[in-house]
C-alpha atoms as a PDB file:
ATOM      1  CA  MET A   1     129.991 135.438 124.733  1.00  0.00           C
ATOM      2  CA  GLU A   2     128.302 132.422 123.114  1.00  0.00           C
ATOM      3  CA  THR A   3     129.609 129.037 124.291  1.00  0.00           C
ATOM      4  CA  LYS A   4     128.864 125.954 122.209  1.00  0.00           C
ATOM      5  CA  LEU A   5     127.427 123.083 124.216  1.00  0.00           C
ATOM      6  CA  THR A   6     129.175 119.717 124.221  1.00  0.00           C
ATOM      7  CA  PRO A   7     127.498 116.534 122.869  1.00  0.00           C
ATOM      8  CA  GLN A   8     127.179 115.351 126.500  1.00  0.00           C
ATOM      9  CA  GLN A   9     125.347 118.549 127.456  1.00  0.00           C
ATOM     10  CA  LEU A  10     123.036 118.256 124.442  1.00  0.00           C
ATOM     11  CA  SER A  11     122.343 114.638 125.422  1.00  0.00           C
ATOM     12  CA  TYR A  12     121.536 115.814 128.972  1.00  0.00           C
ATOM     13  CA  ILE A  13     118.978 118.322 127.629  1.00  0.00           C
ATOM     14  CA  ASP A  14     117.464 115.564 125.484  1.00  0.00           C
ATOM     15  CA  ARG A  15     117.102 113.262 128.518  1.00  0.00           C
ATOM     16  CA  TYR A  16     115.678 116.112 130.591  1.00  0.00           C
ATOM     17  CA  LEU A  17     112.989 116.743 127.950  1.00  0.00           C
ATOM     18  CA  LYS A  18     112.264 113.018 127.655  1.00  0.00           C
ATOM     19  CA  ASN A  19     111.740 112.834 131.406  1.00  0.00           C
ATOM     20  CA  SER A  20     109.389 115.806 131.028  1.00  0.00           C
ATOM     21  CA  ASP A  21     107.126 113.667 128.772  1.00  0.00           C
ATOM     22  CA  VAL A  22     108.404 114.929 125.421  1.00  0.00           C
ATOM     23  CA  PHE A  23     108.109 111.423 123.981  1.00  0.00           C
ATOM     24  CA  TYR A  24     108.846 111.786 120.258  1.00  0.00           C
ATOM     25  CA  ASP A  25     112.477 111.911 119.150  1.00  0.00           C
ATOM     26  CA  ASP A  26     111.918 114.418 116.346  1.00  0.00           C
ATOM     27  CA  ILE A  27     110.067 116.850 118.631  1.00  0.00           C
ATOM     28  CA  ARG A  28     112.773 116.534 121.290  1.00  0.00           C
ATOM     29  CA  TYR A  29     115.419 117.188 118.640  1.00  0.00           C
ATOM     30  CA  GLU A  30     113.791 120.505 117.735  1.00  0.00           C
ATOM     31  CA  MET A  31     113.272 121.446 121.391  1.00  0.00           C
ATOM     32  CA  THR A  32     116.814 120.470 122.368  1.00  0.00           C
ATOM     33  CA  ASP A  33     118.139 122.690 119.603  1.00  0.00           C
ATOM     34  CA  HIS A  34     115.905 125.531 120.811  1.00  0.00           C
ATOM     35  CA  VAL A  35     116.920 125.179 124.482  1.00  0.00           C
ATOM     36  CA  ALA A  36     120.618 124.787 123.596  1.00  0.00           C
ATOM     37  CA  SER A  37     120.578 127.983 121.525  1.00  0.00           C
ATOM     38  CA  ALA A  38     119.112 129.892 124.475  1.00  0.00           C
ATOM     39  CA  ILE A  39     121.584 128.459 127.016  1.00  0.00           C
ATOM     40  CA  GLU A  40     124.593 129.119 124.787  1.00  0.00           C
ATOM     41  CA  ASN A  41     123.870 132.825 125.136  1.00  0.00           C
ATOM     42  CA  MET A  42     123.804 132.642 128.934  1.00  0.00           C
ATOM     43  CA  GLU A  43     126.805 133.066 131.206  1.00  0.00           C
ATOM     44  CA  GLY A  44     127.558 130.733 134.094  1.00  0.00           C
ATOM     45  CA  ASN A  45     127.210 127.040 134.851  1.00  0.00           C
ATOM     46  CA  PHE A  46     125.437 124.873 132.269  1.00  0.00           C
ATOM     47  CA  TYR A  47     123.236 123.019 134.779  1.00  0.00           C
ATOM     48  CA  ASP A  48     122.250 126.199 136.635  1.00  0.00           C
ATOM     49  CA  ASN A  49     121.374 127.844 133.312  1.00  0.00           C
ATOM     50  CA  LEU A  50     119.365 124.824 132.152  1.00  0.00           C
ATOM     51  CA  TYR A  51     117.290 124.563 135.321  1.00  0.00           C
ATOM     52  CA  SER A  52     116.792 128.312 135.376  1.00  0.00           C
ATOM     53  CA  TYR A  53     115.667 128.337 131.739  1.00  0.00           C
ATOM     54  CA  MET A  54     113.362 125.349 132.195  1.00  0.00           C
ATOM     55  CA  ALA A  55     111.824 126.811 135.339  1.00  0.00           C
ATOM     56  CA  GLU A  56     110.864 129.867 133.298  1.00  0.00           C
ATOM     57  CA  HIS A  57     109.940 128.202 130.002  1.00  0.00           C
ATOM     58  CA  ARG A  58     108.883 124.624 130.873  1.00  0.00           C
ATOM     59  CA  THR A  59     105.145 125.303 130.527  1.00  0.00           C
ATOM     60  CA  GLU A  60     105.693 127.061 127.208  1.00  0.00           C
ATOM     61  CA  LEU A  61     107.806 124.154 125.883  1.00  0.00           C
ATOM     62  CA  LEU A  62     105.304 121.499 126.942  1.00  0.00           C
ATOM     63  CA  GLU A  63     102.517 123.485 125.299  1.00  0.00           C
ATOM     64  CA  SER A  64     104.544 123.539 122.091  1.00  0.00           C
ATOM     65  CA  ASN A  65     104.839 119.757 122.459  1.00  0.00           C
ATOM     66  CA  LYS A  66     101.040 119.547 122.128  1.00  0.00           C
ATOM     67  CA  VAL A  67     101.185 121.800 119.066  1.00  0.00           C
ATOM     68  CA  PHE A  68     103.859 119.558 117.495  1.00  0.00           C
ATOM     69  CA  LYS A  69     101.656 116.493 118.098  1.00  0.00           C
ATOM     70  CA  LYS A  70      98.736 118.124 116.326  1.00  0.00           C
ATOM     71  CA  LEU A  71     100.990 119.145 113.440  1.00  0.00           C
ATOM     72  CA  ALA A  72     102.228 115.554 113.229  1.00  0.00           C
ATOM     73  CA  PHE A  73      98.648 114.301 112.924  1.00  0.00           C
ATOM     74  CA  ASP A  74      97.924 116.895 110.236  1.00  0.00           C
ATOM     75  CA  LYS A  75     101.056 115.829 108.324  1.00  0.00           C
ATOM     76  CA  ALA A  76     100.038 112.170 108.541  1.00  0.00           C
ATOM     77  CA  VAL A  77      96.560 112.935 107.182  1.00  0.00           C
ATOM     78  CA  SER A  78      98.154 115.108 104.489  1.00  0.00           C
ATOM     79  CA  LEU A  79     100.399 112.207 103.451  1.00  0.00           C
ATOM     80  CA  ILE A  80      97.366 109.926 103.124  1.00  0.00           C
ATOM     81  CA  THR A  81      95.547 112.611 101.116  1.00  0.00           C
ATOM     82  CA  LYS A  82      98.546 113.028  98.803  1.00  0.00           C
ATOM     83  CA  THR A  83      98.638 109.273  98.276  1.00  0.00           C
ATOM     84  CA  LEU A  84      94.957 109.347  97.289  1.00  0.00           C
ATOM     85  CA  ALA A  85      95.673 112.176  94.838  1.00  0.00           C
ATOM     86  CA  ASN A  86      98.710 110.432  93.331  1.00  0.00           C
ATOM     87  CA  VAL A  87      98.260 109.453  89.671  1.00  0.00           C
ATOM     88  CA  GLN A  88     100.476 106.438  90.336  1.00  0.00           C
ATOM     89  CA  LEU A  89      97.821 105.063  92.680  1.00  0.00           C
ATOM     90  CA  TYR A  90      95.255 104.899  89.909  1.00  0.00           C
ATOM     91  CA  SER A  91      97.779 103.569  87.392  1.00  0.00           C
ATOM     92  CA  VAL A  92      98.711 100.674  89.690  1.00  0.00           C
ATOM     93  CA  THR A  93      95.024 100.084  90.472  1.00  0.00           C
ATOM     94  CA  ALA A  94      94.204  99.915  86.732  1.00  0.00           C
ATOM     95  CA  ILE A  95      97.049  97.462  86.068  1.00  0.00           C
ATOM     96  CA  LEU A  96      96.045  95.220  88.980  1.00  0.00           C
ATOM     97  CA  PHE A  97      92.359  95.308  88.034  1.00  0.00           C
ATOM     98  CA  ALA A  98      93.043  94.630  84.340  1.00  0.00           C
ATOM     99  CA  THR A  99      95.294  91.693  85.275  1.00  0.00           C
ATOM    100  CA  ALA A 100      92.646  90.373  87.661  1.00  0.00           C
ATOM    101  CA  TYR A 101      89.906  90.791  85.049  1.00  0.00           C
ATOM    102  CA  PHE A 102      91.735  88.820  82.356  1.00  0.00           C
ATOM    103  CA  ALA A 103      92.905  86.196  84.862  1.00  0.00           C
ATOM    104  CA  GLY A 104      89.278  85.881  85.944  1.00  0.00           C
ATOM    105  CA  THR A 105      88.235  84.871  82.434  1.00  0.00           C
ATOM    106  CA  ILE A 106      90.598  81.911  82.736  1.00  0.00           C
ATOM    107  CA  ALA A 107      90.538  80.913  86.417  1.00  0.00           C
ATOM    108  CA  GLY A 108      87.140  82.355  87.373  1.00  0.00           C
ATOM    109  CA  ASN A 109      86.367  85.686  89.025  1.00  0.00           C
ATOM    110  CA  GLU A 110      85.747  84.217  92.484  1.00  0.00           C
ATOM    111  CA  THR A 111      89.189  82.564  92.535  1.00  0.00           C
ATOM    112  CA  ILE A 112      90.858  85.844  91.535  1.00  0.00           C
ATOM    113  CA  THR A 113      88.815  87.709  94.156  1.00  0.00           C
ATOM    114  CA  ASP A 114      90.054  85.305  96.833  1.00  0.00           C
ATOM    115  CA  ASN A 115      93.645  85.789  95.657  1.00  0.00           C
ATOM    116  CA  LEU A 116      93.312  89.579  95.712  1.00  0.00           C
ATOM    117  CA  HIS A 117      91.826  89.385  99.188  1.00  0.00           C
ATOM    118  CA  ILE A 118      94.757  87.269 100.394  1.00  0.00           C
ATOM    119  CA  ALA A 119      97.227  89.732  98.812  1.00  0.00           C
ATOM    120  CA  LEU A 120      95.507  92.632 100.594  1.00  0.00           C
ATOM    121  CA  ILE A 121      95.615  90.782 103.918  1.00  0.00           C
ATOM    122  CA  LEU A 122      99.352  90.130 103.489  1.00  0.00           C
ATOM    123  CA  ILE A 123     100.045  93.811 102.784  1.00  0.00           C
ATOM    124  CA  LEU A 124      97.894  94.891 105.724  1.00  0.00           C
ATOM    125  CA  THR A 125      99.764  92.404 107.918  1.00  0.00           C
ATOM    126  CA  VAL A 126     103.033  94.164 107.049  1.00  0.00           C
ATOM    127  CA  VAL A 127     101.474  97.520 108.002  1.00  0.00           C
ATOM    128  CA  LEU A 128     100.004  96.166 111.247  1.00  0.00           C
ATOM    129  CA  LEU A 129     103.273  94.439 112.237  1.00  0.00           C
ATOM    130  CA  ASN A 130     105.011  97.773 111.661  1.00  0.00           C
ATOM    131  CA  PHE A 131     102.445  99.419 113.922  1.00  0.00           C
ATOM    132  CA  TRP A 132     102.960  97.025 116.832  1.00  0.00           C
ATOM    133  CA  TYR A 133     106.740  96.841 116.406  1.00  0.00           C
ATOM    134  CA  TYR A 134     106.892 100.630 116.398  1.00  0.00           C
ATOM    135  CA  LYS A 135     104.619 100.884 119.456  1.00  0.00           C
ATOM    136  CA  ILE A 136     106.269  98.172 121.563  1.00  0.00           C
ATOM    137  CA  PHE A 137     109.824  97.395 120.471  1.00  0.00           C
ATOM    138  CA  SER A 138     111.273 100.337 118.542  1.00  0.00           C
ATOM    139  CA  SER A 139     113.835 102.392 120.429  1.00  0.00           C
ATOM    140  CA  ARG A 140     112.924 105.410 118.269  1.00  0.00           C
ATOM    141  CA  SER A 141     109.612 107.181 118.003  1.00  0.00           C
ATOM    142  CA  TYR A 142     108.862 109.883 115.449  1.00  0.00           C
ATOM    143  CA  SER A 143     105.661 111.877 115.652  1.00  0.00           C
ATOM    144  CA  VAL A 144     104.525 111.817 112.009  1.00  0.00           C
ATOM    145  CA  ILE A 145     105.283 108.093 111.565  1.00  0.00           C
ATOM    146  CA  ASP A 146     103.432 107.296 114.789  1.00  0.00           C
ATOM    147  CA  LYS A 147     100.330 109.246 113.730  1.00  0.00           C
ATOM    148  CA  LEU A 148     100.455 107.802 110.213  1.00  0.00           C
ATOM    149  CA  LEU A 149     100.620 104.218 111.478  1.00  0.00           C
ATOM    150  CA  THR A 150      97.859 104.888 114.011  1.00  0.00           C
ATOM    151  CA  VAL A 151      95.495 106.312 111.376  1.00  0.00           C
ATOM    152  CA  VAL A 152      96.233 103.457 108.931  1.00  0.00           C
ATOM    153  CA  TYR A 153      95.962 100.786 111.650  1.00  0.00           C
ATOM    154  CA  PHE A 154      92.563 101.869 112.930  1.00  0.00           C
ATOM    155  CA  GLY A 155      91.376 102.741 109.422  1.00  0.00           C
ATOM    156  CA  ALA A 156      92.177  99.202 108.257  1.00  0.00           C
ATOM    157  CA  ILE A 157      90.199  97.739 111.166  1.00  0.00           C
ATOM    158  CA  VAL A 158      87.175 100.039 111.033  1.00  0.00           C
ATOM    159  CA  ILE A 159      86.693 100.637 107.290  1.00  0.00           C
ATOM    160  CA  ARG A 160      85.499  97.365 105.717  1.00  0.00           C
ATOM    161  CA  VAL A 161      83.754  98.462 102.516  1.00  0.00           C
ATOM    162  CA  ASP A 162      84.197  94.996 100.989  1.00  0.00           C
ATOM    163  CA  MET A 163      81.573  93.627 103.380  1.00  0.00           C
ATOM    164  CA  PHE A 164      78.928  95.614 101.468  1.00  0.00           C
ATOM    165  CA  ILE A 165      80.050  94.798  97.904  1.00  0.00           C
ATOM    166  CA  GLU A 166      78.330  91.775  96.374  1.00  0.00           C
ATOM    167  CA  ASN A 167      79.380  92.190  92.736  1.00  0.00           C
ATOM    168  CA  THR A 168      82.586  90.200  92.117  1.00  0.00           C
ATOM    169  CA  ILE A 169      84.010  92.584  89.503  1.00  0.00           C
ATOM    170  CA  LEU A 170      83.425  95.618  91.751  1.00  0.00           C
ATOM    171  CA  LEU A 171      85.012  93.704  94.620  1.00  0.00           C
ATOM    172  CA  ASN A 172      88.077  93.006  92.466  1.00  0.00           C
ATOM    173  CA  LEU A 173      88.275  96.732  91.666  1.00  0.00           C
ATOM    174  CA  TYR A 174      88.020  97.595  95.355  1.00  0.00           C
ATOM    175  CA  TYR A 175      90.748  95.106  96.341  1.00  0.00           C
ATOM    176  CA  SER A 176      92.969  96.339  93.487  1.00  0.00           C
ATOM    177  CA  PHE A 177      92.584  99.920  94.720  1.00  0.00           C
ATOM    178  CA  CYS A 178      93.301  98.984  98.355  1.00  0.00           C
ATOM    179  CA  ILE A 179      96.387  96.951  97.425  1.00  0.00           C
ATOM    180  CA  ALA A 180      97.758  99.838  95.332  1.00  0.00           C
ATOM    181  CA  PHE A 181      96.959 102.347  98.103  1.00  0.00           C
ATOM    182  CA  PHE A 182      98.688 100.388 100.858  1.00  0.00           C
ATOM    183  CA  ILE A 183     101.722  99.647  98.676  1.00  0.00           C
ATOM    184  CA  LEU A 184     102.233 103.366  97.980  1.00  0.00           C
ATOM    185  CA  LEU A 185     101.522 104.292 101.590  1.00  0.00           C
ATOM    186  CA  THR A 186     104.029 101.699 102.826  1.00  0.00           C
ATOM    187  CA  GLN A 187     106.615 103.200 100.452  1.00  0.00           C
ATOM    188  CA  SER A 188     105.930 106.629 101.971  1.00  0.00           C
ATOM    189  CA  LEU A 189     106.296 105.144 105.451  1.00  0.00           C
ATOM    190  CA  TYR A 190     109.727 103.697 104.693  1.00  0.00           C
ATOM    191  CA  ARG A 191     110.832 106.955 103.045  1.00  0.00           C
ATOM    192  CA  LEU A 192     109.857 108.782 106.232  1.00  0.00           C
ATOM    193  CA  LYS A 193     111.742 106.267 108.364  1.00  0.00           C
ATOM    194  CA  ARG A 194     114.859 106.671 106.212  1.00  0.00           C
ATOM    195  CA  LYS A 195     114.582 110.459 106.351  1.00  0.00           C
ATOM    196  CA  TYR A 196     114.304 110.486 110.153  1.00  0.00           C
ATOM    197  CA  LYS A 197     117.081 107.909 110.510  1.00  0.00           C
ATOM    198  CA  LEU A 198     119.449 110.118 108.503  1.00  0.00           C
ATOM    199  CA  ARG A 199     118.460 113.232 110.420  1.00  0.00           C
ATOM    200  CA  TYR A 200     118.179 112.063 114.023  1.00  0.00           C
ATOM    201  CA  GLU A 201     120.091 108.795 114.427  1.00  0.00           C
ATOM    202  CA  VAL A 202     123.594 110.185 114.310  1.00  0.00           C
END
């Protein structure tokens, strides 16, 4: 006969998996659900059943943890790819560039370039602060968000195309594109956070 586990028992499984190096909350959620379903069909003491099940399936579960991590990385890359394919990205880029171009005829292209550069730095600062807050202070850690922030963080440091662009107008176009890209990507990041908060922080 199937016996539903109590919230305390589910919490115990979650802590057990966390102590077994299943770091990400979303992965543990899925694993906890999987382990709980198996134990609910077993007769006897909850703790005996849990340790018995984990003794038999621990290696298999930890292997699936590696698979989940890879899937998280793939999802993060997919999200970046979707952002690059989003028509809105190019619409925002066009608006920013057009505004910068006309402002440049009044204030001078170099002044507008400096302003665009400062705007990009401010947006990147928000992303990088998110990265370090999430890595050091956040009590929650979700696999896809972690991989997404990691890719964006190191991408922002390593990829510096602007260092090779000498033409001011092309530089303005590049900064306009980057600003639009990081704005849309930051929106996606916060949507992911909200989605995970609703699903896992209950």
